[in-house]
Amino acid sequence: MAASIMGYIRQAALGDALVPYEQRVEKALQRILASRSWTTPQRQWLQRIANQTKVNTIVDREALDDDALYFRREGGGWQRLDRMFAGELDGVLREFKREVWAA
């Protein structure tokens, strides 16, 4: 709901096309995957992050450590996933958020 409202405001204020949030997330994922060379596990976790972003809108450190979500159960939470991304997970998540709303 929040993403829909943000998208509508962005469209009205900036004249951006009104693009469904799921499409924005998918395009952001494709741009991030193309931005550098990722390992297969990193690519898989980026896809999982995108899928969860479509559902929850925000995937951050708290979400990655939430026992009820997939990330903690299957990925070991923030610490393990951050190691998988060579200590750059925070930056990757920030980049992902920026890409979702890129024109």
PDB file of N, CA and C in Angstrom:
ATOM      1  N   MET A   1       0.824  -1.190   0.000  1.00  0.00           N
ATOM      2  CA  MET A   1       0.000   0.000   0.000  1.00  0.00           C
ATOM      3  C   MET A   1       0.868   1.254   0.000  1.00  0.00           C
ATOM      4  N   ALA A   2       1.882   1.257   0.876  1.00  0.00           N
ATOM      5  CA  ALA A   2       2.765   2.421   0.960  1.00  0.00           C
ATOM      6  C   ALA A   2       3.484   2.647  -0.359  1.00  0.00           C
ATOM      7  N   ALA A   3       3.932   1.556  -0.982  1.00  0.00           N
ATOM      8  CA  ALA A   3       4.636   1.687  -2.264  1.00  0.00           C
ATOM      9  C   ALA A   3       3.716   2.267  -3.326  1.00  0.00           C
ATOM     10  N   SER A   4       2.464   1.883  -3.329  1.00  0.00           N
ATOM     11  CA  SER A   4       1.509   2.415  -4.296  1.00  0.00           C
ATOM     12  C   SER A   4       1.307   3.909  -4.102  1.00  0.00           C
ATOM     13  N   ILE A   5       1.201   4.320  -2.845  1.00  0.00           N
ATOM     14  CA  ILE A   5       1.027   5.740  -2.541  1.00  0.00           C
ATOM     15  C   ILE A   5       2.263   6.524  -2.957  1.00  0.00           C
ATOM     16  N   MET A   6       3.452   5.983  -2.627  1.00  0.00           N
ATOM     17  CA  MET A   6       4.697   6.654  -3.008  1.00  0.00           C
ATOM     18  C   MET A   6       4.799   6.766  -4.525  1.00  0.00           C
ATOM     19  N   GLY A   7       4.429   5.716  -5.228  1.00  0.00           N
ATOM     20  CA  GLY A   7       4.475   5.732  -6.680  1.00  0.00           C
ATOM     21  C   GLY A   7       3.545   6.774  -7.260  1.00  0.00           C
ATOM     22  N   TYR A   8       2.351   6.886  -6.703  1.00  0.00           N
ATOM     23  CA  TYR A   8       1.388   7.874  -7.181  1.00  0.00           C
ATOM     24  C   TYR A   8       1.901   9.287  -6.940  1.00  0.00           C
ATOM     25  N   ILE A   9       2.443   9.544  -5.743  1.00  0.00           N
ATOM     26  CA  ILE A   9       2.982  10.866  -5.429  1.00  0.00           C
ATOM     27  C   ILE A   9       4.140  11.198  -6.353  1.00  0.00           C
ATOM     28  N   ARG A  10       5.010  10.231  -6.568  1.00  0.00           N
ATOM     29  CA  ARG A  10       6.152  10.444  -7.462  1.00  0.00           C
ATOM     30  C   ARG A  10       5.671  10.767  -8.878  1.00  0.00           C
ATOM     31  N   GLN A  11       4.677  10.048  -9.338  1.00  0.00           N
ATOM     32  CA  GLN A  11       4.153  10.279 -10.672  1.00  0.00           C
ATOM     33  C   GLN A  11       3.563  11.675 -10.759  1.00  0.00           C
ATOM     34  N   ALA A  12       2.812  12.076  -9.755  1.00  0.00           N
ATOM     35  CA  ALA A  12       2.179  13.392  -9.779  1.00  0.00           C
ATOM     36  C   ALA A  12       3.207  14.515  -9.657  1.00  0.00           C
ATOM     37  N   ALA A  13       4.196  14.338  -8.789  1.00  0.00           N
ATOM     38  CA  ALA A  13       5.172  15.396  -8.542  1.00  0.00           C
ATOM     39  C   ALA A  13       6.210  15.511  -9.650  1.00  0.00           C
ATOM     40  N   LEU A  14       6.683  14.391 -10.152  1.00  0.00           N
ATOM     41  CA  LEU A  14       7.780  14.410 -11.110  1.00  0.00           C
ATOM     42  C   LEU A  14       7.361  14.104 -12.535  1.00  0.00           C
ATOM     43  N   GLY A  15       6.139  13.671 -12.684  1.00  0.00           N
ATOM     44  CA  GLY A  15       5.679  13.304 -14.010  1.00  0.00           C
ATOM     45  C   GLY A  15       6.170  11.930 -14.460  1.00  0.00           C
ATOM     46  N   ASP A  16       6.712  11.145 -13.512  1.00  0.00           N
ATOM     47  CA  ASP A  16       7.130   9.782 -13.836  1.00  0.00           C
ATOM     48  C   ASP A  16       5.922   8.955 -14.240  1.00  0.00           C
ATOM     49  N   ALA A  17       6.176   7.980 -15.077  1.00  0.00           N
ATOM     50  CA  ALA A  17       5.110   7.058 -15.446  1.00  0.00           C
ATOM     51  C   ALA A  17       4.675   6.281 -14.208  1.00  0.00           C
ATOM     52  N   LEU A  18       3.401   6.018 -14.106  1.00  0.00           N
ATOM     53  CA  LEU A  18       2.866   5.256 -12.990  1.00  0.00           C
ATOM     54  C   LEU A  18       3.104   3.776 -13.285  1.00  0.00           C
ATOM     55  N   VAL A  19       4.174   3.239 -12.704  1.00  0.00           N
ATOM     56  CA  VAL A  19       4.600   1.865 -12.948  1.00  0.00           C
ATOM     57  C   VAL A  19       4.271   1.035 -11.714  1.00  0.00           C
ATOM     58  N   PRO A  20       3.645  -0.122 -11.882  1.00  0.00           N
ATOM     59  CA  PRO A  20       3.360  -0.973 -10.719  1.00  0.00           C
ATOM     60  C   PRO A  20       4.649  -1.276  -9.940  1.00  0.00           C
ATOM     61  N   TYR A  21       4.521  -1.300  -8.626  1.00  0.00           N
ATOM     62  CA  TYR A  21       5.677  -1.480  -7.752  1.00  0.00           C
ATOM     63  C   TYR A  21       6.440  -2.763  -8.078  1.00  0.00           C
ATOM     64  N   GLU A  22       5.722  -3.844  -8.344  1.00  0.00           N
ATOM     65  CA  GLU A  22       6.380  -5.117  -8.654  1.00  0.00           C
ATOM     66  C   GLU A  22       7.290  -4.985  -9.881  1.00  0.00           C
ATOM     67  N   GLN A  23       6.843  -4.213 -10.870  1.00  0.00           N
ATOM     68  CA  GLN A  23       7.667  -3.995 -12.061  1.00  0.00           C
ATOM     69  C   GLN A  23       8.898  -3.157 -11.731  1.00  0.00           C
ATOM     70  N   ARG A  24       8.731  -2.158 -10.863  1.00  0.00           N
ATOM     71  CA  ARG A  24       9.868  -1.342 -10.443  1.00  0.00           C
ATOM     72  C   ARG A  24      10.923  -2.213  -9.763  1.00  0.00           C
ATOM     73  N   VAL A  25      10.461  -3.092  -8.885  1.00  0.00           N
ATOM     74  CA  VAL A  25      11.380  -3.973  -8.157  1.00  0.00           C
ATOM     75  C   VAL A  25      12.097  -4.895  -9.137  1.00  0.00           C
ATOM     76  N   GLU A  26      11.371  -5.455 -10.082  1.00  0.00           N
ATOM     77  CA  GLU A  26      11.974  -6.374 -11.048  1.00  0.00           C
ATOM     78  C   GLU A  26      13.004  -5.657 -11.924  1.00  0.00           C
ATOM     79  N   LYS A  27      12.700  -4.446 -12.356  1.00  0.00           N
ATOM     80  CA  LYS A  27      13.653  -3.674 -13.153  1.00  0.00           C
ATOM     81  C   LYS A  27      14.890  -3.322 -12.327  1.00  0.00           C
ATOM     82  N   ALA A  28      14.666  -2.971 -11.066  1.00  0.00           N
ATOM     83  CA  ALA A  28      15.795  -2.664 -10.180  1.00  0.00           C
ATOM     84  C   ALA A  28      16.683  -3.889 -10.025  1.00  0.00           C
ATOM     85  N   LEU A  29      16.080  -5.038  -9.847  1.00  0.00           N
ATOM     86  CA  LEU A  29      16.848  -6.278  -9.723  1.00  0.00           C
ATOM     87  C   LEU A  29      17.683  -6.514 -10.976  1.00  0.00           C
ATOM     88  N   GLN A  30      17.101  -6.350 -12.139  1.00  0.00           N
ATOM     89  CA  GLN A  30      17.831  -6.578 -13.380  1.00  0.00           C
ATOM     90  C   GLN A  30      19.010  -5.613 -13.523  1.00  0.00           C
ATOM     91  N   ARG A  31      18.808  -4.346 -13.132  1.00  0.00           N
ATOM     92  CA  ARG A  31      19.905  -3.370 -13.208  1.00  0.00           C
ATOM     93  C   ARG A  31      21.021  -3.723 -12.229  1.00  0.00           C
ATOM     94  N   ILE A  32      20.659  -4.164 -11.045  1.00  0.00           N
ATOM     95  CA  ILE A  32      21.669  -4.532 -10.050  1.00  0.00           C
ATOM     96  C   ILE A  32      22.426  -5.776 -10.500  1.00  0.00           C
ATOM     97  N   LEU A  33      21.713  -6.766 -11.006  1.00  0.00           N
ATOM     98  CA  LEU A  33      22.383  -7.976 -11.476  1.00  0.00           C
ATOM     99  C   LEU A  33      23.352  -7.665 -12.615  1.00  0.00           C
ATOM    100  N   ALA A  34      23.015  -6.689 -13.446  1.00  0.00           N
ATOM    101  CA  ALA A  34      23.872  -6.327 -14.573  1.00  0.00           C
ATOM    102  C   ALA A  34      25.013  -5.387 -14.172  1.00  0.00           C
ATOM    103  N   SER A  35      24.939  -4.838 -12.962  1.00  0.00           N
ATOM    104  CA  SER A  35      25.904  -3.812 -12.561  1.00  0.00           C
ATOM    105  C   SER A  35      27.291  -4.345 -12.243  1.00  0.00           C
ATOM    106  N   ARG A  36      27.383  -5.626 -11.909  1.00  0.00           N
ATOM    107  CA  ARG A  36      28.685  -6.220 -11.592  1.00  0.00           C
ATOM    108  C   ARG A  36      28.587  -7.730 -11.668  1.00  0.00           C
ATOM    109  N   SER A  37      29.706  -8.353 -11.438  1.00  0.00           N
ATOM    110  CA  SER A  37      29.744  -9.813 -11.460  1.00  0.00           C
ATOM    111  C   SER A  37      29.365 -10.339 -10.078  1.00  0.00           C
ATOM    112  N   TRP A  38      28.316 -11.129 -10.013  1.00  0.00           N
ATOM    113  CA  TRP A  38      27.842 -11.703  -8.753  1.00  0.00           C
ATOM    114  C   TRP A  38      28.095 -13.207  -8.766  1.00  0.00           C
ATOM    115  N   THR A  39      28.324 -13.773  -7.603  1.00  0.00           N
ATOM    116  CA  THR A  39      28.407 -15.218  -7.504  1.00  0.00           C
ATOM    117  C   THR A  39      26.994 -15.782  -7.614  1.00  0.00           C
ATOM    118  N   THR A  40      26.895 -17.066  -7.884  1.00  0.00           N
ATOM    119  CA  THR A  40      25.570 -17.690  -7.977  1.00  0.00           C
ATOM    120  C   THR A  40      24.783 -17.531  -6.670  1.00  0.00           C
ATOM    121  N   PRO A  41      25.378 -17.787  -5.491  1.00  0.00           N
ATOM    122  CA  PRO A  41      24.614 -17.577  -4.261  1.00  0.00           C
ATOM    123  C   PRO A  41      24.174 -16.119  -4.070  1.00  0.00           C
ATOM    124  N   GLN A  42      25.030 -15.173  -4.438  1.00  0.00           N
ATOM    125  CA  GLN A  42      24.650 -13.762  -4.326  1.00  0.00           C
ATOM    126  C   GLN A  42      23.467 -13.454  -5.240  1.00  0.00           C
ATOM    127  N   ARG A  43      23.499 -13.955  -6.459  1.00  0.00           N
ATOM    128  CA  ARG A  43      22.395 -13.738  -7.399  1.00  0.00           C
ATOM    129  C   ARG A  43      21.083 -14.327  -6.846  1.00  0.00           C
ATOM    130  N   GLN A  44      21.183 -15.503  -6.252  1.00  0.00           N
ATOM    131  CA  GLN A  44      19.996 -16.145  -5.691  1.00  0.00           C
ATOM    132  C   GLN A  44      19.432 -15.325  -4.532  1.00  0.00           C
ATOM    133  N   TRP A  45      20.306 -14.803  -3.689  1.00  0.00           N
ATOM    134  CA  TRP A  45      19.834 -14.004  -2.555  1.00  0.00           C
ATOM    135  C   TRP A  45      19.306 -12.651  -3.012  1.00  0.00           C
ATOM    136  N   LEU A  46      19.881 -12.081  -4.055  1.00  0.00           N
ATOM    137  CA  LEU A  46      19.330 -10.840  -4.601  1.00  0.00           C
ATOM    138  C   LEU A  46      17.913 -11.077  -5.124  1.00  0.00           C
ATOM    139  N   GLN A  47      17.689 -12.212  -5.757  1.00  0.00           N
ATOM    140  CA  GLN A  47      16.345 -12.551  -6.227  1.00  0.00           C
ATOM    141  C   GLN A  47      15.384 -12.702  -5.050  1.00  0.00           C
ATOM    142  N   ARG A  48      15.842 -13.345  -3.994  1.00  0.00           N
ATOM    143  CA  ARG A  48      14.999 -13.512  -2.802  1.00  0.00           C
ATOM    144  C   ARG A  48      14.689 -12.160  -2.155  1.00  0.00           C
ATOM    145  N   ILE A  49      15.686 -11.286  -2.117  1.00  0.00           N
ATOM    146  CA  ILE A  49      15.476  -9.945  -1.572  1.00  0.00           C
ATOM    147  C   ILE A  49      14.437  -9.208  -2.413  1.00  0.00           C
ATOM    148  N   ALA A  50      14.536  -9.317  -3.723  1.00  0.00           N
ATOM    149  CA  ALA A  50      13.558  -8.677  -4.613  1.00  0.00           C
ATOM    150  C   ALA A  50      12.161  -9.236  -4.368  1.00  0.00           C
ATOM    151  N   ASN A  51      12.051 -10.537  -4.260  1.00  0.00           N
ATOM    152  CA  ASN A  51      10.740 -11.153  -4.012  1.00  0.00           C
ATOM    153  C   ASN A  51      10.142 -10.663  -2.703  1.00  0.00           C
ATOM    154  N   GLN A  52      10.963 -10.579  -1.666  1.00  0.00           N
ATOM    155  CA  GLN A  52      10.462 -10.115  -0.376  1.00  0.00           C
ATOM    156  C   GLN A  52      10.125  -8.627  -0.431  1.00  0.00           C
ATOM    157  N   THR A  53      10.892  -7.862  -1.211  1.00  0.00           N
ATOM    158  CA  THR A  53      10.616  -6.431  -1.364  1.00  0.00           C
ATOM    159  C   THR A  53       9.253  -6.214  -2.015  1.00  0.00           C
ATOM    160  N   LYS A  54       8.892  -7.068  -2.945  1.00  0.00           N
ATOM    161  CA  LYS A  54       7.584  -6.967  -3.590  1.00  0.00           C
ATOM    162  C   LYS A  54       6.460  -7.153  -2.572  1.00  0.00           C
ATOM    163  N   VAL A  55       6.706  -7.971  -1.551  1.00  0.00           N
ATOM    164  CA  VAL A  55       5.684  -8.271  -0.548  1.00  0.00           C
ATOM    165  C   VAL A  55       5.705  -7.262   0.589  1.00  0.00           C
ATOM    166  N   ASN A  56       6.888  -6.971   1.118  1.00  0.00           N
ATOM    167  CA  ASN A  56       7.017  -6.154   2.334  1.00  0.00           C
ATOM    168  C   ASN A  56       7.425  -4.711   2.082  1.00  0.00           C
ATOM    169  N   THR A  57       7.796  -4.351   0.873  1.00  0.00           N
ATOM    170  CA  THR A  57       8.259  -3.028   0.488  1.00  0.00           C
ATOM    171  C   THR A  57       9.658  -2.721   0.998  1.00  0.00           C
ATOM    172  N   ILE A  58       9.950  -3.057   2.242  1.00  0.00           N
ATOM    173  CA  ILE A  58      11.255  -2.733   2.814  1.00  0.00           C
ATOM    174  C   ILE A  58      11.951  -4.006   3.271  1.00  0.00           C
ATOM    175  N   VAL A  59      13.159  -4.190   2.785  1.00  0.00           N
ATOM    176  CA  VAL A  59      14.013  -5.267   3.274  1.00  0.00           C
ATOM    177  C   VAL A  59      15.268  -4.586   3.802  1.00  0.00           C
ATOM    178  N   ASP A  60      15.436  -4.659   5.117  1.00  0.00           N
ATOM    179  CA  ASP A  60      16.574  -4.024   5.762  1.00  0.00           C
ATOM    180  C   ASP A  60      17.181  -4.998   6.766  1.00  0.00           C
ATOM    181  N   ARG A  61      18.091  -4.511   7.582  1.00  0.00           N
ATOM    182  CA  ARG A  61      18.773  -5.375   8.550  1.00  0.00           C
ATOM    183  C   ARG A  61      17.763  -6.062   9.484  1.00  0.00           C
ATOM    184  N   GLU A  62      16.778  -5.314   9.912  1.00  0.00           N
ATOM    185  CA  GLU A  62      15.754  -5.878  10.797  1.00  0.00           C
ATOM    186  C   GLU A  62      15.007  -7.029  10.119  1.00  0.00           C
ATOM    187  N   ALA A  63      14.643  -6.845   8.864  1.00  0.00           N
ATOM    188  CA  ALA A  63      13.937  -7.898   8.130  1.00  0.00           C
ATOM    189  C   ALA A  63      14.825  -9.123   7.951  1.00  0.00           C
ATOM    190  N   LEU A  64      16.114  -8.893   7.690  1.00  0.00           N
ATOM    191  CA  LEU A  64      17.032 -10.020   7.487  1.00  0.00           C
ATOM    192  C   LEU A  64      17.252 -10.814   8.769  1.00  0.00           C
ATOM    193  N   ASP A  65      17.038 -10.190   9.914  1.00  0.00           N
ATOM    194  CA  ASP A  65      17.191 -10.883  11.200  1.00  0.00           C
ATOM    195  C   ASP A  65      15.866 -11.339  11.806  1.00  0.00           C
ATOM    196  N   ASP A  66      14.762 -11.111  11.114  1.00  0.00           N
ATOM    197  CA  ASP A  66      13.440 -11.495  11.600  1.00  0.00           C
ATOM    198  C   ASP A  66      13.277 -13.018  11.516  1.00  0.00           C
ATOM    199  N   ASP A  67      13.057 -13.658  12.653  1.00  0.00           N
ATOM    200  CA  ASP A  67      12.910 -15.114  12.691  1.00  0.00           C
ATOM    201  C   ASP A  67      11.743 -15.622  11.850  1.00  0.00           C
ATOM    202  N   ALA A  68      10.756 -14.782  11.622  1.00  0.00           N
ATOM    203  CA  ALA A  68       9.579 -15.209  10.872  1.00  0.00           C
ATOM    204  C   ALA A  68       9.796 -15.180   9.358  1.00  0.00           C
ATOM    205  N   LEU A  69      10.849 -14.526   8.915  1.00  0.00           N
ATOM    206  CA  LEU A  69      11.095 -14.414   7.485  1.00  0.00           C
ATOM    207  C   LEU A  69      12.149 -15.405   7.018  1.00  0.00           C
ATOM    208  N   TYR A  70      12.132 -15.654   5.754  1.00  0.00           N
ATOM    209  CA  TYR A  70      13.001 -16.613   5.081  1.00  0.00           C
ATOM    210  C   TYR A  70      14.487 -16.326   5.305  1.00  0.00           C
ATOM    211  N   PHE A  71      14.855 -15.069   5.320  1.00  0.00           N
ATOM    212  CA  PHE A  71      16.263 -14.690   5.398  1.00  0.00           C
ATOM    213  C   PHE A  71      16.953 -15.252   6.633  1.00  0.00           C
ATOM    214  N   ARG A  72      16.296 -15.168   7.750  1.00  0.00           N
ATOM    215  CA  ARG A  72      16.884 -15.655   8.998  1.00  0.00           C
ATOM    216  C   ARG A  72      16.911 -17.183   9.017  1.00  0.00           C
ATOM    217  N   ARG A  73      15.801 -17.792   8.631  1.00  0.00           N
ATOM    218  CA  ARG A  73      15.702 -19.253   8.678  1.00  0.00           C
ATOM    219  C   ARG A  73      16.652 -19.914   7.690  1.00  0.00           C
ATOM    220  N   GLU A  74      16.704 -19.419   6.464  1.00  0.00           N
ATOM    221  CA  GLU A  74      17.466 -20.081   5.410  1.00  0.00           C
ATOM    222  C   GLU A  74      18.833 -19.452   5.142  1.00  0.00           C
ATOM    223  N   GLY A  75      18.954 -18.165   5.432  1.00  0.00           N
ATOM    224  CA  GLY A  75      20.190 -17.472   5.096  1.00  0.00           C
ATOM    225  C   GLY A  75      21.089 -17.183   6.271  1.00  0.00           C
ATOM    226  N   GLY A  76      20.583 -17.417   7.489  1.00  0.00           N
ATOM    227  CA  GLY A  76      21.400 -17.165   8.667  1.00  0.00           C
ATOM    228  C   GLY A  76      21.349 -15.735   9.164  1.00  0.00           C
ATOM    229  N   GLY A  77      20.510 -14.913   8.585  1.00  0.00           N
ATOM    230  CA  GLY A  77      20.367 -13.540   9.047  1.00  0.00           C
ATOM    231  C   GLY A  77      21.423 -12.603   8.486  1.00  0.00           C
ATOM    232  N   TRP A  78      21.430 -11.402   9.050  1.00  0.00           N
ATOM    233  CA  TRP A  78      22.288 -10.326   8.554  1.00  0.00           C
ATOM    234  C   TRP A  78      23.761 -10.720   8.500  1.00  0.00           C
ATOM    235  N   GLN A  79      24.285 -11.233   9.602  1.00  0.00           N
ATOM    236  CA  GLN A  79      25.730 -11.500   9.667  1.00  0.00           C
ATOM    237  C   GLN A  79      26.190 -12.454   8.566  1.00  0.00           C
ATOM    238  N   ARG A  80      25.505 -13.534   8.414  1.00  0.00           N
ATOM    239  CA  ARG A  80      25.915 -14.519   7.401  1.00  0.00           C
ATOM    240  C   ARG A  80      25.750 -13.966   5.987  1.00  0.00           C
ATOM    241  N   LEU A  81      24.628 -13.302   5.736  1.00  0.00           N
ATOM    242  CA  LEU A  81      24.400 -12.749   4.405  1.00  0.00           C
ATOM    243  C   LEU A  81      25.375 -11.617   4.097  1.00  0.00           C
ATOM    244  N   ASP A  82      25.714 -10.827   5.101  1.00  0.00           N
ATOM    245  CA  ASP A  82      26.689  -9.766   4.892  1.00  0.00           C
ATOM    246  C   ASP A  82      28.051 -10.352   4.516  1.00  0.00           C
ATOM    247  N   ARG A  83      28.426 -11.442   5.148  1.00  0.00           N
ATOM    248  CA  ARG A  83      29.679 -12.115   4.784  1.00  0.00           C
ATOM    249  C   ARG A  83      29.623 -12.616   3.343  1.00  0.00           C
ATOM    250  N   MET A  84      28.468 -13.139   2.952  1.00  0.00           N
ATOM    251  CA  MET A  84      28.304 -13.646   1.586  1.00  0.00           C
ATOM    252  C   MET A  84      28.505 -12.520   0.560  1.00  0.00           C
ATOM    253  N   PHE A  85      28.138 -11.300   0.953  1.00  0.00           N
ATOM    254  CA  PHE A  85      28.292 -10.143   0.083  1.00  0.00           C
ATOM    255  C   PHE A  85      29.569  -9.357   0.409  1.00  0.00           C
ATOM    256  N   ALA A  86      30.531 -10.033   1.002  1.00  0.00           N
ATOM    257  CA  ALA A  86      31.856  -9.456   1.297  1.00  0.00           C
ATOM    258  C   ALA A  86      31.772  -8.170   2.117  1.00  0.00           C
ATOM    259  N   GLY A  87      30.846  -8.146   3.070  1.00  0.00           N
ATOM    260  CA  GLY A  87      30.709  -6.985   3.944  1.00  0.00           C
ATOM    261  C   GLY A  87      30.016  -5.797   3.302  1.00  0.00           C
ATOM    262  N   GLU A  88      29.435  -5.978   2.129  1.00  0.00           N
ATOM    263  CA  GLU A  88      28.826  -4.879   1.383  1.00  0.00           C
ATOM    264  C   GLU A  88      27.301  -4.952   1.325  1.00  0.00           C
ATOM    265  N   LEU A  89      26.687  -5.756   2.169  1.00  0.00           N
ATOM    266  CA  LEU A  89      25.236  -5.945   2.087  1.00  0.00           C
ATOM    267  C   LEU A  89      24.479  -4.643   2.325  1.00  0.00           C
ATOM    268  N   ASP A  90      24.923  -3.834   3.262  1.00  0.00           N
ATOM    269  CA  ASP A  90      24.242  -2.569   3.529  1.00  0.00           C
ATOM    270  C   ASP A  90      24.232  -1.696   2.277  1.00  0.00           C
ATOM    271  N   GLY A  91      25.362  -1.592   1.611  1.00  0.00           N
ATOM    272  CA  GLY A  91      25.437  -0.814   0.378  1.00  0.00           C
ATOM    273  C   GLY A  91      24.594  -1.401  -0.741  1.00  0.00           C
ATOM    274  N   VAL A  92      24.566  -2.723  -0.829  1.00  0.00           N
ATOM    275  CA  VAL A  92      23.760  -3.392  -1.851  1.00  0.00           C
ATOM    276  C   VAL A  92      22.280  -3.090  -1.618  1.00  0.00           C
ATOM    277  N   LEU A  93      21.836  -3.137  -0.373  1.00  0.00           N
ATOM    278  CA  LEU A  93      20.432  -2.844  -0.068  1.00  0.00           C
ATOM    279  C   LEU A  93      20.092  -1.386  -0.375  1.00  0.00           C
ATOM    280  N   ARG A  94      21.008  -0.463  -0.054  1.00  0.00           N
ATOM    281  CA  ARG A  94      20.782   0.949  -0.374  1.00  0.00           C
ATOM    282  C   ARG A  94      20.694   1.155  -1.880  1.00  0.00           C
ATOM    283  N   GLU A  95      21.581   0.499  -2.608  1.00  0.00           N
ATOM    284  CA  GLU A  95      21.569   0.585  -4.069  1.00  0.00           C
ATOM    285  C   GLU A  95      20.255   0.042  -4.621  1.00  0.00           C
ATOM    286  N   PHE A  96      19.796  -1.051  -4.063  1.00  0.00           N
ATOM    287  CA  PHE A  96      18.541  -1.665  -4.507  1.00  0.00           C
ATOM    288  C   PHE A  96      17.384  -0.683  -4.300  1.00  0.00           C
ATOM    289  N   LYS A  97      17.327  -0.070  -3.129  1.00  0.00           N
ATOM    290  CA  LYS A  97      16.249   0.893  -2.850  1.00  0.00           C
ATOM    291  C   LYS A  97      16.292   2.062  -3.822  1.00  0.00           C
ATOM    292  N   ARG A  98      17.497   2.563  -4.112  1.00  0.00           N
ATOM    293  CA  ARG A  98      17.636   3.671  -5.068  1.00  0.00           C
ATOM    294  C   ARG A  98      17.146   3.252  -6.459  1.00  0.00           C
ATOM    295  N   GLU A  99      17.524   2.065  -6.854  1.00  0.00           N
ATOM    296  CA  GLU A  99      17.159   1.573  -8.193  1.00  0.00           C
ATOM    297  C   GLU A  99      15.657   1.371  -8.343  1.00  0.00           C
ATOM    298  N   VAL A 100      14.987   0.991  -7.258  1.00  0.00           N
ATOM    299  CA  VAL A 100      13.531   0.797  -7.329  1.00  0.00           C
ATOM    300  C   VAL A 100      12.849   2.094  -7.767  1.00  0.00           C
ATOM    301  N   TRP A 101      13.341   3.212  -7.272  1.00  0.00           N
ATOM    302  CA  TRP A 101      12.680   4.492  -7.579  1.00  0.00           C
ATOM    303  C   TRP A 101      13.395   5.294  -8.649  1.00  0.00           C
ATOM    304  N   ALA A 102      14.398   4.717  -9.293  1.00  0.00           N
ATOM    305  CA  ALA A 102      15.077   5.412 -10.388  1.00  0.00           C
ATOM    306  C   ALA A 102      14.102   5.622 -11.542  1.00  0.00           C
ATOM    307  N   ALA A 103      14.256   6.753 -12.201  1.00  0.00           N
ATOM    308  CA  ALA A 103      13.349   7.062 -13.317  1.00  0.00           C
ATOM    309  C   ALA A 103      13.616   6.148 -14.491  1.00  0.00           C
TER     310      ALA A 103
END
